[in-house]
Protein backbone atom coordinates (compact mmCIF):
# COMPACT_ATOMS: atom_id res chain seq x y z
CA MET A 1 0.00 0.00 0.01
CA LEU A 2 2.79 2.39 0.91
CA SER A 3 4.59 1.68 -2.34
CA PHE A 4 1.38 2.31 -4.30
CA LEU A 5 0.80 5.67 -2.65
CA LEU A 6 4.36 6.76 -3.26
CA LYS A 7 4.14 5.79 -6.93
CA LEU A 8 0.77 7.54 -7.25
CA ARG A 9 2.11 10.79 -5.80
CA THR A 10 5.21 10.67 -7.99
CA ARG A 11 3.17 10.10 -11.12
CA ALA A 12 0.74 12.87 -10.22
CA GLN A 13 3.60 15.33 -9.73
CA ASN A 14 5.12 14.32 -13.06
CA LEU A 15 1.79 14.50 -14.86
CA PHE A 16 0.58 17.84 -13.57
CA ARG A 17 4.03 19.33 -12.90
CA LEU A 18 2.81 21.22 -9.85
CA SER A 19 5.22 23.81 -8.55
CA ASP A 20 5.15 25.28 -5.06
CA ALA A 21 3.19 28.26 -6.44
CA HIS A 22 0.54 26.01 -7.97
CA THR A 23 0.30 24.02 -4.77
CA MET A 24 -0.26 27.16 -2.75
CA LEU A 25 -3.15 28.13 -4.99
CA VAL A 26 -4.79 24.78 -4.37
CA TRP A 27 -4.36 25.05 -0.62
CA SER A 28 -5.61 28.64 -0.63
CA VAL A 29 -8.94 27.36 -2.03
CA ILE A 30 -9.25 24.93 0.89
CA VAL A 31 -8.31 27.66 3.37
CA GLY A 32 -10.88 30.03 1.85
CA VAL A 33 -13.69 27.52 2.46
CA ALA A 34 -12.44 26.74 5.97
CA GLY A 35 -12.19 30.45 6.84
CA ALA A 36 -15.78 31.07 5.73
CA PHE A 37 -17.06 28.21 7.86
CA ALA A 38 -15.10 29.45 10.86
CA THR A 39 -16.68 32.90 10.46
CA VAL A 40 -20.18 31.44 10.20
CA ALA A 41 -19.57 29.32 13.31
CA PHE A 42 -18.62 32.41 15.31
CA ARG A 43 -21.68 34.32 14.10
CA GLU A 44 -23.93 31.45 15.08
CA GLY A 45 -22.29 31.41 18.50
CA ILE A 46 -23.18 35.06 19.02
CA ALA A 47 -26.76 34.43 17.88
CA LEU A 48 -27.13 31.49 20.29
CA LEU A 49 -25.89 33.54 23.21
CA GLN A 50 -28.21 36.41 22.28
CA ARG A 51 -31.20 34.06 22.21
CA ALA A 52 -30.18 32.63 25.56
CA ILE A 53 -29.94 36.14 27.06
CA SER A 54 -32.97 37.89 25.53
CA GLY A 55 -35.04 35.01 24.24
CA SER A 56 -35.27 36.52 20.75
CA ASN A 57 -33.23 37.14 17.62
CA GLY A 58 -32.11 40.47 16.23
CA GLY A 59 -29.29 42.95 16.52
CA ILE A 60 -27.44 43.85 19.69
CA VAL A 61 -28.84 47.38 19.71
CA ASP A 62 -32.43 46.11 19.28
CA MET A 63 -31.84 43.76 22.21
CA ALA A 64 -30.58 46.65 24.34
CA ARG A 65 -33.63 48.75 23.57
CA ARG A 66 -36.00 45.93 24.61
CA LEU A 67 -34.25 45.30 27.95
CA PRO A 68 -35.10 47.25 31.15
CA TRP A 69 -32.60 49.92 32.09
CA THR A 70 -31.46 47.96 35.11
CA VAL A 71 -30.58 44.95 32.95
CA ARG A 72 -28.71 47.24 30.54
CA ILE A 73 -26.40 48.20 33.41
CA TRP A 74 -25.48 44.82 34.83
CA LEU A 75 -25.57 42.65 31.70
CA PRO A 76 -22.38 44.07 30.01
CA ALA A 77 -20.66 43.96 33.39
CA ALA A 78 -21.60 40.30 33.89
CA GLY A 79 -20.54 39.49 30.31
CA GLY A 80 -17.21 41.19 30.88
CA LEU A 81 -16.69 39.26 34.12
CA ILE A 82 -17.34 35.92 32.41
CA ALA A 83 -15.20 36.92 29.42
CA GLY A 84 -12.37 37.77 31.82
CA PHE A 85 -12.42 34.29 33.35
CA PHE A 86 -12.18 32.69 29.91
CA LEU A 87 -9.35 35.05 29.02
CA LEU A 88 -7.49 33.93 32.14
CA VAL A 89 -7.91 30.33 30.98
CA ALA A 90 -6.53 31.33 27.56
CA ARG A 91 -3.43 32.88 29.10
CA ARG A 92 -2.69 29.94 31.41
CA GLY A 93 0.43 28.05 30.38
CA VAL A 94 1.02 30.14 27.24
CA ASP A 95 4.64 30.67 26.29
CA LYS A 96 5.36 34.39 26.28
CA LYS A 97 7.53 33.93 23.22
CA SER A 98 4.68 32.33 21.21
CA HIS A 99 2.68 34.50 18.82
CA THR A 100 -0.98 34.12 19.72
CA ASP A 101 -2.15 36.85 17.35
CA TYR A 102 -2.33 35.83 13.70
CA MET A 103 -0.64 39.06 12.55
CA GLU A 104 2.42 38.34 14.66
CA ALA A 105 2.41 34.71 13.54
CA VAL A 106 2.59 35.86 9.91
CA ALA A 107 4.83 38.92 10.15
CA ILE A 108 7.42 37.91 12.77
CA GLY A 109 6.58 34.33 13.71
CA ASP A 110 6.69 30.96 12.03
CA GLY A 111 3.02 30.80 11.08
CA VAL A 112 2.01 28.64 14.04
CA VAL A 113 -1.19 29.95 15.64
CA PRO A 114 -1.69 28.20 19.01
CA VAL A 115 -4.95 26.29 19.23
CA ARG A 116 -6.00 26.38 22.87
CA PRO A 117 -5.39 30.13 23.52
CA SER A 118 -7.10 31.08 20.25
CA LEU A 119 -10.21 29.05 21.04
CA TRP A 120 -10.52 30.31 24.61
CA ARG A 121 -9.96 33.89 23.47
CA SER A 122 -12.75 33.42 20.93
CA VAL A 123 -15.09 32.16 23.65
CA SER A 124 -14.18 35.20 25.75
CA SER A 125 -14.98 37.45 22.82
CA LEU A 126 -18.34 35.70 22.35
CA PHE A 127 -19.45 36.71 25.84
CA THR A 128 -18.14 40.27 25.47
CA ILE A 129 -19.97 40.84 22.19
CA ALA A 130 -23.22 39.02 23.08
CA SER A 131 -23.52 40.98 26.34
CA GLY A 132 -23.24 44.36 24.61
CA GLY A 133 -19.52 45.15 24.65
CA SER A 134 -18.70 48.06 22.33
CA ILE A 135 -16.19 46.22 20.17
CA GLY A 136 -16.00 44.64 16.74
CA ARG A 137 -16.52 40.94 16.03
CA GLU A 138 -14.13 40.85 13.07
CA GLY A 139 -11.07 40.28 15.27
CA PRO A 140 -12.01 36.82 16.61
CA MET A 141 -13.53 35.91 13.22
CA VAL A 142 -10.24 36.51 11.45
CA GLN A 143 -8.32 34.82 14.28
CA LEU A 144 -10.40 31.65 13.89
CA ALA A 145 -9.99 31.68 10.12
CA ALA A 146 -6.22 32.08 10.53
CA LEU A 147 -6.20 29.27 13.10
CA CYS A 148 -7.89 26.93 10.60
CA ALA A 149 -5.28 27.84 7.99
CA SER A 150 -2.44 27.26 10.45
CA LEU A 151 -3.79 23.83 11.39
CA ILE A 152 -4.14 22.83 7.73
CA GLY A 153 -0.60 23.97 6.96
CA ARG A 154 0.85 22.13 9.95
CA TRP A 155 -1.09 19.01 9.00
CA VAL A 156 0.59 18.89 5.57
CA HIS A 157 4.00 19.82 7.05
CA PHE A 158 4.46 23.24 5.42
CA ASP A 159 7.77 24.95 6.11
CA PRO A 160 7.54 28.30 8.01
CA PRO A 161 7.46 30.67 5.00
CA ARG A 162 4.69 28.74 3.26
CA LEU A 163 2.84 28.30 6.55
CA ARG A 164 2.94 32.04 7.14
CA LEU A 165 1.52 32.64 3.66
CA LEU A 166 -1.25 30.10 4.27
CA VAL A 167 -2.16 31.80 7.54
CA ALA A 168 -2.28 35.11 5.67
CA CYS A 169 -4.71 33.47 3.22
CA GLY A 170 -6.85 32.44 6.17
CA ALA A 171 -6.86 35.99 7.52
CA ALA A 172 -7.95 37.31 4.13
CA ALA A 173 -10.76 34.77 4.06
CA GLY A 174 -11.90 35.93 7.51
CA ILE A 175 -11.92 39.62 6.54
CA THR A 176 -13.81 38.84 3.37
CA SER A 177 -16.39 36.78 5.20
CA ALA A 178 -16.91 39.52 7.78
CA TYR A 179 -17.35 42.44 5.37
CA ASN A 180 -18.26 40.94 1.98
CA ALA A 181 -15.24 42.66 0.48
CA PRO A 182 -12.87 40.13 -1.15
CA ILE A 183 -10.61 42.68 -2.83
CA ALA A 184 -10.31 44.76 0.34
CA GLY A 185 -9.72 41.58 2.36
CA ALA A 186 -6.81 40.66 0.10
CA PHE A 187 -5.31 44.12 0.27
CA PHE A 188 -5.82 44.26 4.05
CA VAL A 189 -3.59 41.27 4.44
CA THR A 190 -0.97 42.35 1.91
CA GLU A 191 -0.80 45.98 3.12
CA ILE A 192 -1.02 45.48 6.87
CA VAL A 193 -0.07 41.86 7.62
CA LEU A 194 2.43 40.95 4.88
CA GLY A 195 3.58 44.50 4.30
CA SER A 196 4.15 44.12 0.56
CA ILE A 197 2.29 43.28 -2.63
CA ALA A 198 4.18 40.53 -4.45
CA MET A 199 2.43 38.19 -6.88
CA GLU A 200 3.87 35.10 -5.18
CA SER A 201 1.90 35.99 -2.04
CA PHE A 202 -0.87 38.15 -3.47
CA GLY A 203 -2.15 35.43 -5.81
CA PRO A 204 -3.00 32.84 -3.08
CA VAL A 205 -4.43 35.58 -0.85
CA VAL A 206 -6.77 36.73 -3.62
CA VAL A 207 -7.87 33.17 -4.33
CA ALA A 208 -8.65 32.55 -0.65
CA SER A 209 -10.65 35.81 -0.46
CA VAL A 210 -12.72 35.03 -3.53
CA VAL A 211 -13.45 31.45 -2.46
CA ALA A 212 -14.46 32.64 1.02
CA ASN A 213 -16.84 35.20 -0.49
CA ILE A 214 -18.41 32.61 -2.79
CA THR A 215 -18.81 30.21 0.12
CA MET A 216 -20.47 32.86 2.31
CA ARG A 217 -23.00 33.66 -0.40
CA GLU A 218 -24.17 30.05 -0.32
CA PHE A 219 -25.43 30.41 3.26
CA ALA A 220 -29.11 31.32 3.58
CA GLY A 221 -29.77 34.74 5.04
CA TYR A 222 -26.27 36.06 4.43
CA LYS A 223 -26.08 39.74 3.65
CA PRO A 224 -23.39 42.42 3.81
CA PRO A 225 -23.08 44.26 7.13
CA TYR A 226 -23.68 47.69 5.55
CA GLU A 227 -26.50 48.55 3.15
CA MET A 228 -25.03 51.42 1.17
CA PRO A 229 -27.34 53.90 -0.60
CA VAL A 230 -26.66 55.05 -4.15
CA PHE A 231 -23.77 57.51 -4.07
CA PRO A 232 -24.62 60.83 -5.80
CA PRO A 233 -22.44 62.31 -8.55
CA VAL A 234 -19.84 64.76 -7.22
CA THR A 235 -18.78 67.56 -9.50
CA GLY A 236 -17.07 70.94 -9.44
CA VAL A 237 -15.67 72.50 -6.33
CA GLU A 238 -17.54 70.08 -4.05
CA VAL A 239 -14.56 67.80 -4.52
CA LEU A 240 -12.61 70.23 -2.30
CA LEU A 241 -15.06 69.53 0.52
CA PHE A 242 -14.07 65.86 0.45
CA VAL A 243 -10.43 66.95 0.67
CA ALA A 244 -11.37 68.92 3.79
CA LEU A 245 -13.15 65.83 5.12
CA GLY A 246 -9.89 63.89 4.61
CA LEU A 247 -8.05 66.54 6.60
CA LEU A 248 -10.57 66.22 9.42
CA CYS A 249 -10.46 62.42 9.51
CA GLY A 250 -6.68 62.37 9.24
CA ALA A 251 -6.39 64.71 12.21
CA ALA A 252 -9.03 62.84 14.26
CA ALA A 253 -7.80 59.26 13.68
CA PRO A 254 -4.58 59.57 15.76
CA GLN A 255 -6.58 61.13 18.58
CA PHE A 256 -8.98 58.17 18.52
CA LEU A 257 -6.06 55.75 18.77
CA ARG A 258 -4.52 57.82 21.57
CA LEU A 259 -7.84 57.65 23.45
CA LEU A 260 -7.71 53.86 23.25
CA GLY A 261 -4.11 53.90 24.42
CA VAL A 262 -4.91 56.15 27.38
CA SER A 263 -7.81 53.91 28.33
CA LYS A 264 -5.63 50.79 28.25
CA ALA A 265 -2.99 52.48 30.39
CA ALA A 266 -5.63 53.62 32.90
CA PHE A 267 -7.06 50.13 33.27
CA ARG A 268 -3.57 48.67 33.71
CA ARG A 269 -2.87 51.10 36.56
CA LEU A 270 -5.86 49.76 38.49
CA THR A 271 -4.00 46.45 39.03
CA LEU A 272 -7.28 44.55 39.39
CA PRO A 273 -7.81 40.89 38.49
CA LEU A 274 -8.52 40.47 34.81
CA PRO A 275 -12.19 39.40 35.20
CA VAL A 276 -12.85 42.41 37.43
CA THR A 277 -11.16 44.72 34.90
CA LEU A 278 -13.31 43.44 32.01
CA GLY A 279 -16.38 43.61 34.25
CA LEU A 280 -15.58 47.23 35.08
CA GLY A 281 -15.30 48.05 31.37
CA GLY A 282 -18.66 46.39 30.79
CA LEU A 283 -20.16 48.37 33.67
CA VAL A 284 -19.12 51.65 31.99
CA VAL A 285 -20.85 50.51 28.80
CA GLY A 286 -23.94 49.51 30.77
CA ILE A 287 -24.23 52.87 32.52
CA ILE A 288 -23.87 54.74 29.22
CA SER A 289 -26.49 52.52 27.58
CA VAL A 290 -29.13 53.79 30.05
CA TRP A 291 -29.18 57.01 27.99
CA SER A 292 -27.89 55.64 24.69
CA PRO A 293 -28.50 51.94 23.95
CA ASP A 294 -26.92 52.56 20.53
CA VAL A 295 -23.46 52.11 22.07
CA TRP A 296 -23.96 48.35 22.40
CA GLY A 297 -22.25 46.10 19.88
CA ASN A 298 -20.15 47.01 16.84
CA GLY A 299 -22.51 49.67 15.50
CA TYR A 300 -23.70 48.04 12.24
CA SER A 301 -27.33 49.00 12.78
CA VAL A 302 -26.52 52.56 13.83
CA VAL A 303 -24.32 53.19 10.79
CA ASN A 304 -27.02 51.78 8.49
CA SER A 305 -29.55 54.09 10.16
CA ILE A 306 -27.26 57.11 9.63
CA LEU A 307 -26.86 56.20 5.95
CA HIS A 308 -30.59 55.77 5.30
CA SER A 309 -32.32 58.28 7.60
CA GLN A 310 -31.94 61.86 8.74
CA TRP A 311 -30.26 62.35 12.11
CA THR A 312 -30.05 65.68 13.91
CA TRP A 313 -26.60 66.99 14.62
CA THR A 314 -27.25 66.86 18.36
CA ALA A 315 -28.14 63.14 18.12
CA LEU A 316 -24.98 62.48 16.08
CA VAL A 317 -22.76 64.31 18.57
CA GLY A 318 -24.35 62.45 21.45
CA VAL A 319 -23.97 58.99 19.93
CA LEU A 320 -20.41 59.79 18.87
CA VAL A 321 -19.29 60.86 22.37
CA PHE A 322 -21.02 57.94 24.03
CA LYS A 323 -19.64 55.45 21.51
CA LEU A 324 -16.10 56.76 21.94
CA VAL A 325 -16.31 56.35 25.72
CA ALA A 326 -17.91 52.90 25.45
CA THR A 327 -15.35 51.66 22.92
CA ALA A 328 -12.48 53.02 25.00
CA ALA A 329 -13.86 51.28 28.09
CA THR A 330 -14.35 47.95 26.33
CA ALA A 331 -11.09 47.86 24.42
CA GLY A 332 -9.11 49.45 27.26
CA SER A 333 -10.27 46.87 29.78
CA GLY A 334 -8.59 44.15 27.68
CA ALA A 335 -11.64 42.63 26.00
CA VAL A 336 -10.94 40.45 22.97
CA GLY A 337 -12.36 41.91 19.78
CA GLY A 338 -11.64 44.23 16.91
CA ILE A 339 -11.71 48.01 16.67
CA PHE A 340 -11.98 47.91 12.85
CA THR A 341 -15.78 48.23 12.91
CA PRO A 342 -15.87 50.90 15.67
CA THR A 343 -13.44 52.85 13.49
CA LEU A 344 -15.91 52.72 10.59
CA PHE A 345 -18.63 53.85 13.04
CA VAL A 346 -16.65 56.93 14.10
CA GLY A 347 -15.82 57.72 10.47
CA ALA A 348 -19.49 57.54 9.45
CA VAL A 349 -20.62 59.84 12.26
CA LEU A 350 -17.83 62.36 11.64
CA GLY A 351 -18.59 62.34 7.93
CA SER A 352 -22.30 62.84 8.53
CA LEU A 353 -21.65 65.76 10.91
CA PHE A 354 -19.30 67.32 8.37
CA GLY A 355 -21.86 66.84 5.61
CA GLN A 356 -24.64 68.45 7.67
CA GLY A 357 -22.40 71.42 8.42
CA MET A 358 -21.47 71.91 4.76
CA HIS A 359 -25.09 71.45 3.69
CA ALA A 360 -26.16 74.18 6.12
CA LEU A 361 -23.56 76.57 4.70
CA TRP A 362 -24.02 75.61 1.04
CA PRO A 363 -27.42 73.90 0.69
CA HIS A 364 -27.59 73.89 -3.12
CA GLY A 365 -24.01 72.87 -3.84
CA THR A 366 -23.43 69.88 -1.62
CA SER A 367 -24.53 66.28 -1.62
CA ALA A 368 -26.66 64.70 1.08
CA PRO A 369 -24.93 64.05 4.43
CA PHE A 370 -24.94 60.29 3.86
CA ALA A 371 -22.45 60.75 0.98
CA TYR A 372 -20.00 62.37 3.39
CA ALA A 373 -20.69 59.61 5.91
CA MET A 374 -19.74 56.95 3.34
CA VAL A 375 -16.50 58.70 2.39
CA GLY A 376 -15.81 59.49 6.07
CA MET A 377 -15.84 55.75 6.83
CA GLY A 378 -13.04 55.17 4.34
CA ALA A 379 -11.03 58.27 5.24
CA PHE A 380 -11.09 57.60 8.96
CA LEU A 381 -10.16 53.96 8.35
CA ALA A 382 -7.25 55.00 6.14
CA GLY A 383 -5.94 57.35 8.83
CA ALA A 384 -6.29 54.77 11.61
CA THR A 385 -4.85 51.76 9.77
CA GLN A 386 -2.38 53.62 7.55
CA ALA A 387 -3.59 51.43 4.73
CA PRO A 388 -5.31 53.84 2.28
CA LEU A 389 -5.51 51.39 -0.61
CA MET A 390 -7.38 48.87 1.52
CA ALA A 391 -9.75 51.58 2.77
CA ILE A 392 -10.51 52.82 -0.76
CA LEU A 393 -11.24 49.34 -2.05
CA MET A 394 -13.40 48.41 0.94
CA ILE A 395 -15.78 51.35 0.54
CA PHE A 396 -15.80 50.91 -3.23
CA GLU A 397 -16.76 47.24 -2.84
CA MET A 398 -19.48 48.14 -0.38
CA THR A 399 -21.01 50.75 -2.69
CA LEU A 400 -20.20 49.18 -6.09
CA SER A 401 -20.41 52.73 -7.44
CA TYR A 402 -17.80 54.41 -9.59
CA GLN A 403 -19.18 57.78 -8.47
CA VAL A 404 -17.62 57.30 -5.03
CA VAL A 405 -14.11 56.62 -6.34
CA LEU A 406 -12.88 60.18 -6.94
CA PRO A 407 -13.92 61.78 -3.62
CA LEU A 408 -13.01 58.59 -1.75
CA MET A 409 -9.49 58.44 -3.18
CA LEU A 410 -8.85 62.08 -2.37
CA SER A 411 -10.16 61.83 1.20
CA CYS A 412 -8.35 58.56 2.00
CA VAL A 413 -4.97 59.72 0.65
CA VAL A 414 -5.21 63.08 2.41
CA ALA A 415 -6.26 61.39 5.65
CA TYR A 416 -3.35 58.95 5.40
CA PHE A 417 -0.70 61.66 4.99
CA VAL A 418 -2.21 63.92 7.66
CA SER A 419 -2.40 61.00 10.09
CA ARG A 420 1.23 60.06 9.39
CA ALA A 421 2.33 63.65 9.92
CA ILE A 422 0.47 64.12 13.21
CA GLY A 423 1.32 60.88 14.98
CA LYS A 424 3.28 57.70 14.39
CA THR A 425 0.40 55.60 15.68
CA SER A 426 -1.48 52.83 13.96
CA MET A 427 -4.44 50.67 14.78
CA TYR A 428 -2.36 47.54 14.47
CA GLU A 429 0.77 46.87 16.45
CA ILE A 430 2.27 45.01 13.56
CA THR A 431 2.53 48.22 11.57
CA LEU A 432 4.60 49.71 14.33
CA MET A 433 6.75 46.61 14.51
CA ARG A 434 7.82 47.15 10.93
CA ASN A 435 9.46 50.37 12.03
CA ARG A 436 11.99 48.19 13.81
CA ASP A 437 12.92 46.38 10.60
CA GLU A 438 16.19 48.23 10.29
CA GLN A 439 17.39 46.89 13.62
CA GLU A 440 16.33 43.43 12.54
CA ARG A 441 18.28 43.72 9.31
CA MET A 442 21.40 44.70 11.25
CA ARG A 443 21.02 41.56 13.34
CA LEU A 444 20.53 39.41 10.25
CA ARG A 445 23.81 40.54 8.78
CA ALA A 446 25.54 38.59 11.51
CA THR A 447 23.16 35.64 11.30
CA GLN A 448 24.71 32.20 11.33
CA MET A 449 23.08 28.90 10.38
CA ARG A 450 22.63 27.90 14.01
CA GLU A 451 19.80 30.48 14.20
CA LEU A 452 17.95 28.91 11.27
CA ILE A 453 18.34 25.23 12.13
CA LYS A 454 15.13 23.18 12.24
CA PRO A 455 14.75 19.58 13.42
CA ALA A 456 15.53 16.95 10.79
CA ASP A 457 12.43 14.75 10.85
CA THR A 458 13.41 12.68 7.81
CA ILE A 459 16.18 10.60 9.39
CA VAL A 460 16.68 6.89 8.80
CA PRO A 461 19.33 4.45 9.99
CA LEU A 462 21.66 2.65 7.64
CA THR A 463 19.63 -0.53 8.05
CA ALA A 464 16.24 1.02 7.15
CA SER A 465 14.21 -1.08 4.72
CA VAL A 466 12.60 0.22 1.53
CA GLN A 467 9.21 -0.03 3.20
CA ASP A 468 10.42 2.11 6.12
CA MET A 469 11.87 4.70 3.80
CA THR A 470 8.76 4.73 1.68
CA ARG A 471 6.66 5.45 4.72
CA VAL A 472 8.83 8.50 5.57
CA PHE A 473 8.72 9.75 1.96
CA LEU A 474 4.92 9.57 2.02
CA GLU A 475 4.69 11.42 5.33
CA TYR A 476 7.04 14.25 4.33
CA PRO A 477 7.20 15.95 0.88
CA VAL A 478 11.00 15.70 0.54
CA LYS A 479 13.43 14.45 -2.07
CA TYR A 480 16.12 13.11 0.28
CA LEU A 481 16.29 11.15 3.52
CA TYR A 482 19.26 11.65 5.82
CA VAL A 483 21.14 8.54 6.87
CA ILE A 484 22.88 8.45 10.24
CA ASP A 485 24.81 5.85 12.21
CA ASP A 486 24.26 4.76 15.79
CA ALA A 487 26.25 7.76 17.06
CA GLY A 488 24.08 10.23 15.14
CA CYS A 489 26.79 11.05 12.59
CA PHE A 490 25.69 12.03 9.10
CA LEU A 491 26.61 9.37 6.50
CA GLY A 492 24.82 10.67 3.42
CA VAL A 493 21.38 10.66 1.80
CA VAL A 494 18.88 8.40 0.09
CA ALA A 495 17.21 9.98 -2.97
CA LEU A 496 13.50 9.59 -3.64
CA LYS A 497 14.11 9.12 -7.35
CA ASP A 498 16.31 6.04 -6.77
CA ILE A 499 13.66 4.23 -4.71
CA THR A 500 10.86 5.33 -7.01
CA SER A 501 12.79 4.09 -10.06
CA ASP A 502 13.15 0.63 -8.55
CA LEU A 503 9.48 0.52 -7.61
CA LEU A 504 8.30 1.63 -11.02
CA ASP A 505 10.59 -0.88 -12.75
CA ARG A 506 9.25 -3.62 -10.43
CA HIS A 507 12.69 -4.53 -9.08
CA ASP A 508 12.87 -6.72 -6.02
CA THR A 509 13.40 -4.34 -3.08
CA SER A 510 12.55 -6.69 -0.23
CA THR A 511 16.18 -7.16 0.80
CA ARG A 512 17.43 -3.66 0.04
CA THR A 513 18.22 -1.15 2.79
CA ALA A 514 19.36 2.45 3.01
CA ALA A 515 22.94 1.26 2.61
CA HIS A 516 22.16 0.16 -0.99
CA TYR A 517 20.89 3.62 -1.95
CA LEU A 518 23.34 5.68 0.10
CA GLN A 519 24.89 8.75 -1.54
CA PRO A 520 27.82 9.60 0.75
CA HIS A 521 28.85 12.79 -1.06
CA PHE A 522 26.26 15.44 -0.27
CA ASP A 523 26.56 19.15 0.39
CA VAL A 524 26.29 20.12 4.05
CA LEU A 525 26.25 23.28 6.19
CA THR A 526 27.78 23.99 9.59
CA PRO A 527 26.22 25.95 12.49
CA ASP A 528 28.84 28.74 12.32
CA MET A 529 28.46 29.28 8.57
CA PRO A 530 27.45 32.89 7.71
CA LEU A 531 24.27 33.67 5.79
CA GLY A 532 26.11 34.65 2.61
CA ASP A 533 28.20 31.47 2.46
CA ALA A 534 25.14 29.28 3.02
CA LEU A 535 23.38 31.09 0.19
CA GLN A 536 26.18 30.10 -2.18
CA HIS A 537 25.70 26.45 -1.20
CA PHE A 538 22.01 26.67 -1.95
CA MET A 539 22.63 28.33 -5.32
CA ALA A 540 24.59 25.25 -6.36
CA PHE A 541 21.95 22.90 -4.95
CA GLN A 542 18.57 22.17 -6.53
CA GLY A 543 16.76 21.02 -3.40
CA GLU A 544 14.74 22.85 -0.76
CA ARG A 545 16.90 22.07 2.27
CA LEU A 546 20.40 21.14 3.33
CA PRO A 547 21.59 19.18 6.37
CA VAL A 548 23.64 20.87 9.09
CA ILE A 549 26.48 18.97 10.79
CA GLU A 550 28.35 20.09 13.89
CA SER A 551 31.69 20.15 12.07
CA VAL A 552 33.66 18.28 9.41
CA ALA A 553 35.68 16.54 12.12
CA CYS A 554 32.53 15.63 14.07
CA PRO A 555 29.70 15.18 11.50
CA THR A 556 26.88 14.83 14.01
CA LEU A 557 23.60 15.80 12.34
CA ALA A 558 22.36 18.99 14.03
CA GLY A 559 19.27 19.53 11.86
CA VAL A 560 18.36 21.14 8.56
CA VAL A 561 18.12 24.62 7.09
CA TYR A 562 15.33 25.35 4.58
CA LYS A 563 16.06 27.39 1.48
CA THR A 564 12.90 29.41 2.08
CA SER A 565 14.02 30.30 5.62
CA LEU A 566 17.42 31.36 4.31
CA LEU A 567 15.93 33.45 1.51
CA ASP A 568 13.42 34.97 3.88
CA ALA A 569 16.20 36.09 6.19
CA TYR A 570 18.23 37.36 3.22
CA PHE A 571 15.35 39.40 1.78
CA ARG A 572 14.53 40.85 5.17
CA MET A 573 18.15 41.93 5.33
CA ASN A 574 18.03 43.26 1.76
CA PRO A 575 14.42 44.38 1.13
CA THR A 576 13.48 45.17 -2.45
CA ARG A 577 10.13 46.78 -1.71
């Protein structure tokens, strides 16, 4: 059976001639489907909790309006308390060096998203959101989608660079599923998470986004979070008003992020147990909701109401102030969730206020306030994330109107540059981490192979049978097995093509061992070999990895170095973007 599977895989590779790039496209399809299902599962979890709490379906804000004012106070506090306990469970036994967040796992980690902390954090987020916490649900959705991608990649034994790309595909699928914006989801990952747009990575990310979007559309009752009205044509000098809106959003976005930072610092100074801290944040939201139940949840329904109905400026100012305080309290207390959606909320309200002001000054020359609200969502998002291209594409996908492109592009670009000039802050920590790249490149210049060594899983003794070697070849997608003696010294390699040739030619292999196929002369690396010298070895070698021995005098096998890991370190040292 093992021999049959090996021959089948070899023939399939020869027939279809699948490269690593083609393989990644195939796996990105699988990850796209898995990410969509993970998103749906989280949404259903929120709906189940809502029904358990209120006994009915509907939005978070509608639930808040139906509840008595006393329940509005204690319910977010109780939800925060329960969420805090689950968050404590998530943090228990977690290695501080591990990258729990999917962005860190992709940008600076090895693509491994830990399972237990991610699941418990998602449960914590469920209780925060279902009890009225003023935070977005996209964060845990994307985290779960990235977790699915990481598990799939680890199951098929992807090396770290390919695993990171697969997790990025999962993140794109999660964003797409949350916002019905496949193009924006792809650019979110490439702009913010990956930090560059290269076809080798952009292609699989796009495929995962598209597949996730198609999968989501197959679920009954699925609809986009925002119902955008038809954007009016913008002509003449009114374009300058959208430039002014970009200035406003660009100046306000850093202040919004600073508010969240101040809130987090204030909660940390309290030195309270984590459940109590989250409960306190929920209590603040509950007290505010006595006067303004609109602060509950991520604000989807409120933004849709602003886009489709006329709000007074006093009502807009009130809901904006209350929402800012509620979001700062929820996010500052340490609750698990995203601030992507609250950012869109603030942008919509600011844009609507700006539009009402301009309409009052120039009633016959300006568009309706909802047009400024739509553009304000994109401009404020561009200023907060420092990803203007993603913001432009997201609003464009939501509206599907070419009329919005011109004012949206102007506002987003202006907001981006104003935000960068005012403060070096960003919504995502990973963006700030990239500012330390220069220090990392200096460290990489002195990198030796001992820092890149990975365990050599494909090791066989000299006496290994063909059946034993076939089993290892089927488990790991490699071309060579490393042969060692009883002392762990490296003796040479066994090539896949040699065994496959005998099997295809129906030669008798029952008595053959690794010693019969041994190739003693094989290129090796040493732990103290510099990055540049190792690169020269790989340039003369057609495989994907090379063994590392302790020294020529003592050829004990220390592990392997992957070409992708070496090239990744080299390109981080010498960026071309």
